[in-house]
Amino acid sequence: MDTLIAIVPSFLAAGFGLALFFLARHINVLRTNSTALTAIPGVEHYRPMLRLLDERDFQYLAESGCPADVIRKARSNRRTVFRRYLRSLVKDYSRLLAGLRMRILMSEVERPDLLRAVAVNRFLLIRSLLQIEFHLALHVIGIGKVDVSGLLQSIETLKAVSASLPPAAA
């Protein structure tokens, strides 16, 4: 029992460290200008992520008599595609955030409320990314599901804030 008590915190710390590693890999604020913001796809581009790791598909395969190794491979492939979507979404978020920050700085009106809202939004994004990485690690061993709705909400909110600002002066 003492060994178990000593091992569990070690695994939790290792898991947290791994999550921070993946998070650091994802977060990379890119330099951009406001015209590049028009190239950022809408959230609907990322909606397939909501269903990509849905267990119903894998249950259907199992009920259809599909071998377990084929189902494992399908789950692995879907996680790979999911991670690509996730990387793309974070890059788009970073470009949107950089453009929004530039527009806030170039604005003639000081907006501390907007800066606070952007900071809260970024915190919520980071929290969502940590949760997603944790649930992806559990998904590998077949536990739980991955929810990206918080992440999509963060980018929707940031796009709405960005749309409400006048374009930055060139």
Protein backbone atom coordinates (compact mmCIF):
# COMPACT_ATOMS: atom_id res chain seq x y z
CA MET A 1 0.00 0.00 0.00
CA ASP A 2 2.86 2.39 0.82
CA THR A 3 4.39 1.71 -2.58
CA LEU A 4 1.10 2.57 -4.28
CA ILE A 5 0.90 5.84 -2.34
CA ALA A 6 4.41 6.70 -3.51
CA ILE A 7 3.79 5.71 -7.15
CA VAL A 8 0.50 7.53 -7.77
CA PRO A 9 1.91 11.06 -7.21
CA SER A 10 4.85 10.18 -9.44
CA PHE A 11 2.51 9.17 -12.26
CA LEU A 12 0.42 12.30 -11.74
CA ALA A 13 3.51 14.51 -11.85
CA ALA A 14 4.79 12.74 -14.96
CA GLY A 15 1.38 13.13 -16.62
CA PHE A 16 1.26 16.82 -15.76
CA GLY A 17 4.79 17.30 -17.10
CA LEU A 18 3.86 15.51 -20.31
CA ALA A 19 0.77 17.68 -20.68
CA LEU A 20 2.86 20.83 -20.22
CA PHE A 21 5.33 19.55 -22.82
CA PHE A 22 2.55 19.06 -25.38
CA LEU A 23 1.05 22.41 -24.45
CA ALA A 24 4.37 24.18 -24.97
CA ARG A 25 4.60 22.50 -28.36
CA HIS A 26 1.16 23.80 -29.31
CA ILE A 27 1.37 27.38 -28.08
CA ASN A 28 3.39 29.50 -30.46
CA VAL A 29 2.23 33.05 -31.01
CA LEU A 30 3.02 33.99 -34.57
CA ARG A 31 3.71 37.48 -35.92
CA THR A 32 0.94 38.57 -38.26
CA ASN A 33 -0.85 41.58 -39.63
CA SER A 34 -4.57 42.28 -39.66
CA THR A 35 -4.97 41.30 -43.33
CA ALA A 36 -3.78 37.78 -42.51
CA LEU A 37 -6.75 37.40 -40.17
CA THR A 38 -9.11 37.02 -43.12
CA ALA A 39 -7.33 33.75 -44.02
CA ILE A 40 -8.26 32.16 -40.68
CA PRO A 41 -10.99 29.56 -41.24
CA GLY A 42 -14.17 29.68 -39.23
CA VAL A 43 -14.88 27.36 -36.34
CA GLU A 44 -17.04 25.23 -38.62
CA HIS A 45 -13.78 24.07 -40.25
CA TYR A 46 -12.96 22.35 -36.93
CA ARG A 47 -16.39 20.86 -36.20
CA PRO A 48 -15.30 17.37 -37.40
CA MET A 49 -13.09 17.26 -34.29
CA LEU A 50 -16.27 16.97 -32.21
CA ARG A 51 -17.01 13.56 -33.68
CA LEU A 52 -13.58 12.31 -34.71
CA LEU A 53 -12.98 10.33 -31.51
CA ASP A 54 -16.62 9.41 -30.88
CA GLU A 55 -16.84 5.96 -29.33
CA ARG A 56 -20.04 5.11 -31.23
CA ASP A 57 -18.01 4.57 -34.41
CA PHE A 58 -15.67 2.15 -32.65
CA GLN A 59 -18.59 0.38 -30.98
CA TYR A 60 -20.20 -0.07 -34.38
CA LEU A 61 -16.99 -1.60 -35.71
CA ALA A 62 -16.83 -3.98 -32.73
CA GLU A 63 -20.49 -4.98 -33.17
CA SER A 64 -19.88 -5.58 -36.88
CA GLY A 65 -17.28 -8.20 -36.00
CA CYS A 66 -14.23 -6.12 -36.81
CA PRO A 67 -11.02 -7.53 -35.26
CA ALA A 68 -9.71 -5.72 -32.17
CA ASP A 69 -6.39 -4.85 -33.83
CA VAL A 70 -8.21 -3.11 -36.70
CA ILE A 71 -10.25 -1.09 -34.19
CA ARG A 72 -7.06 -0.15 -32.29
CA LYS A 73 -5.47 0.99 -35.55
CA ALA A 74 -8.57 3.03 -36.45
CA ARG A 75 -8.52 4.69 -33.02
CA SER A 76 -4.82 5.48 -33.44
CA ASN A 77 -5.35 6.93 -36.92
CA ARG A 78 -8.22 9.08 -35.70
CA ARG A 79 -6.09 10.39 -32.82
CA THR A 80 -3.42 11.34 -35.37
CA VAL A 81 -5.94 13.24 -37.47
CA PHE A 82 -7.35 14.83 -34.29
CA ARG A 83 -3.88 16.05 -33.28
CA ARG A 84 -3.40 17.58 -36.75
CA TYR A 85 -6.69 19.43 -36.41
CA LEU A 86 -5.62 20.53 -32.92
CA ARG A 87 -2.28 21.87 -34.17
CA SER A 88 -4.01 23.73 -36.98
CA LEU A 89 -6.59 25.19 -34.62
CA VAL A 90 -3.92 26.42 -32.19
CA LYS A 91 -1.96 28.03 -35.04
CA ASP A 92 -5.10 29.80 -36.22
CA TYR A 93 -5.85 30.89 -32.65
CA SER A 94 -2.29 32.22 -32.28
CA ARG A 95 -2.55 34.20 -35.52
CA LEU A 96 -5.93 35.57 -34.48
CA LEU A 97 -4.59 36.50 -31.04
CA ALA A 98 -1.50 38.21 -32.47
CA GLY A 99 -3.63 40.21 -34.91
CA LEU A 100 -6.06 41.17 -32.16
CA ARG A 101 -3.23 42.30 -29.88
CA MET A 102 -1.84 44.43 -32.68
CA ARG A 103 -5.24 46.01 -33.31
CA ILE A 104 -5.65 46.73 -29.60
CA LEU A 105 -2.20 48.37 -29.49
CA MET A 106 -2.91 50.44 -32.61
CA SER A 107 -6.33 51.53 -31.35
CA GLU A 108 -6.78 55.17 -30.44
CA VAL A 109 -9.01 54.19 -27.52
CA GLU A 110 -7.58 52.45 -24.48
CA ARG A 111 -9.51 49.24 -23.73
CA PRO A 112 -8.37 47.56 -20.47
CA ASP A 113 -11.61 45.55 -20.45
CA LEU A 114 -10.67 44.08 -23.80
CA LEU A 115 -7.16 43.23 -22.65
CA ARG A 116 -8.64 41.47 -19.60
CA ALA A 117 -11.10 39.55 -21.80
CA VAL A 118 -8.27 38.43 -24.11
CA ALA A 119 -6.18 37.30 -21.10
CA VAL A 120 -9.12 35.31 -19.70
CA ASN A 121 -9.76 33.79 -23.13
CA ARG A 122 -6.11 32.72 -23.43
CA PHE A 123 -6.23 31.16 -19.96
CA LEU A 124 -9.37 29.23 -20.93
CA LEU A 125 -7.67 28.05 -24.13
CA ILE A 126 -4.64 26.79 -22.21
CA ARG A 127 -6.88 25.04 -19.70
CA SER A 128 -8.81 23.41 -22.54
CA LEU A 129 -5.57 22.26 -24.19
CA LEU A 130 -4.36 20.70 -20.94
CA GLN A 131 -7.67 18.88 -20.52
CA ILE A 132 -7.59 17.67 -24.12
CA GLU A 133 -4.03 16.36 -23.79
CA PHE A 134 -4.96 14.56 -20.57
CA HIS A 135 -8.05 12.99 -22.17
CA LEU A 136 -6.06 12.02 -25.26
CA ALA A 137 -3.61 10.16 -23.03
CA LEU A 138 -6.56 8.35 -21.45
CA HIS A 139 -8.10 7.69 -24.88
CA VAL A 140 -4.99 5.71 -25.84
CA ILE A 141 -5.87 3.15 -23.16
CA GLY A 142 -9.58 3.30 -23.99
CA ILE A 143 -10.80 5.46 -21.11
CA GLY A 144 -13.13 8.43 -21.45
CA LYS A 145 -13.78 10.78 -24.30
CA VAL A 146 -12.17 13.96 -25.61
CA ASP A 147 -14.23 17.17 -25.56
CA VAL A 148 -13.09 20.08 -27.72
CA SER A 149 -16.12 22.31 -27.24
CA GLY A 150 -14.25 24.59 -24.81
CA LEU A 151 -11.46 25.06 -27.32
CA LEU A 152 -13.88 25.88 -30.12
CA GLN A 153 -15.69 28.32 -27.81
CA SER A 154 -12.38 30.12 -27.10
CA ILE A 155 -11.69 30.70 -30.78
CA GLU A 156 -15.32 31.73 -31.47
CA THR A 157 -15.13 34.29 -28.66
CA LEU A 158 -11.80 35.66 -29.87
CA LYS A 159 -13.13 35.97 -33.44
CA ALA A 160 -16.20 37.84 -32.17
CA VAL A 161 -14.00 40.25 -30.19
CA SER A 162 -11.76 40.73 -33.21
CA ALA A 163 -14.72 41.42 -35.50
CA SER A 164 -15.98 44.11 -33.12
CA LEU A 165 -12.76 46.15 -33.43
CA PRO A 166 -11.99 48.52 -36.26
CA PRO A 167 -9.13 47.40 -38.54
CA ALA A 168 -5.64 48.45 -37.51
CA ALA A 169 -4.13 51.40 -39.31
CA ALA A 170 -1.42 50.40 -41.75
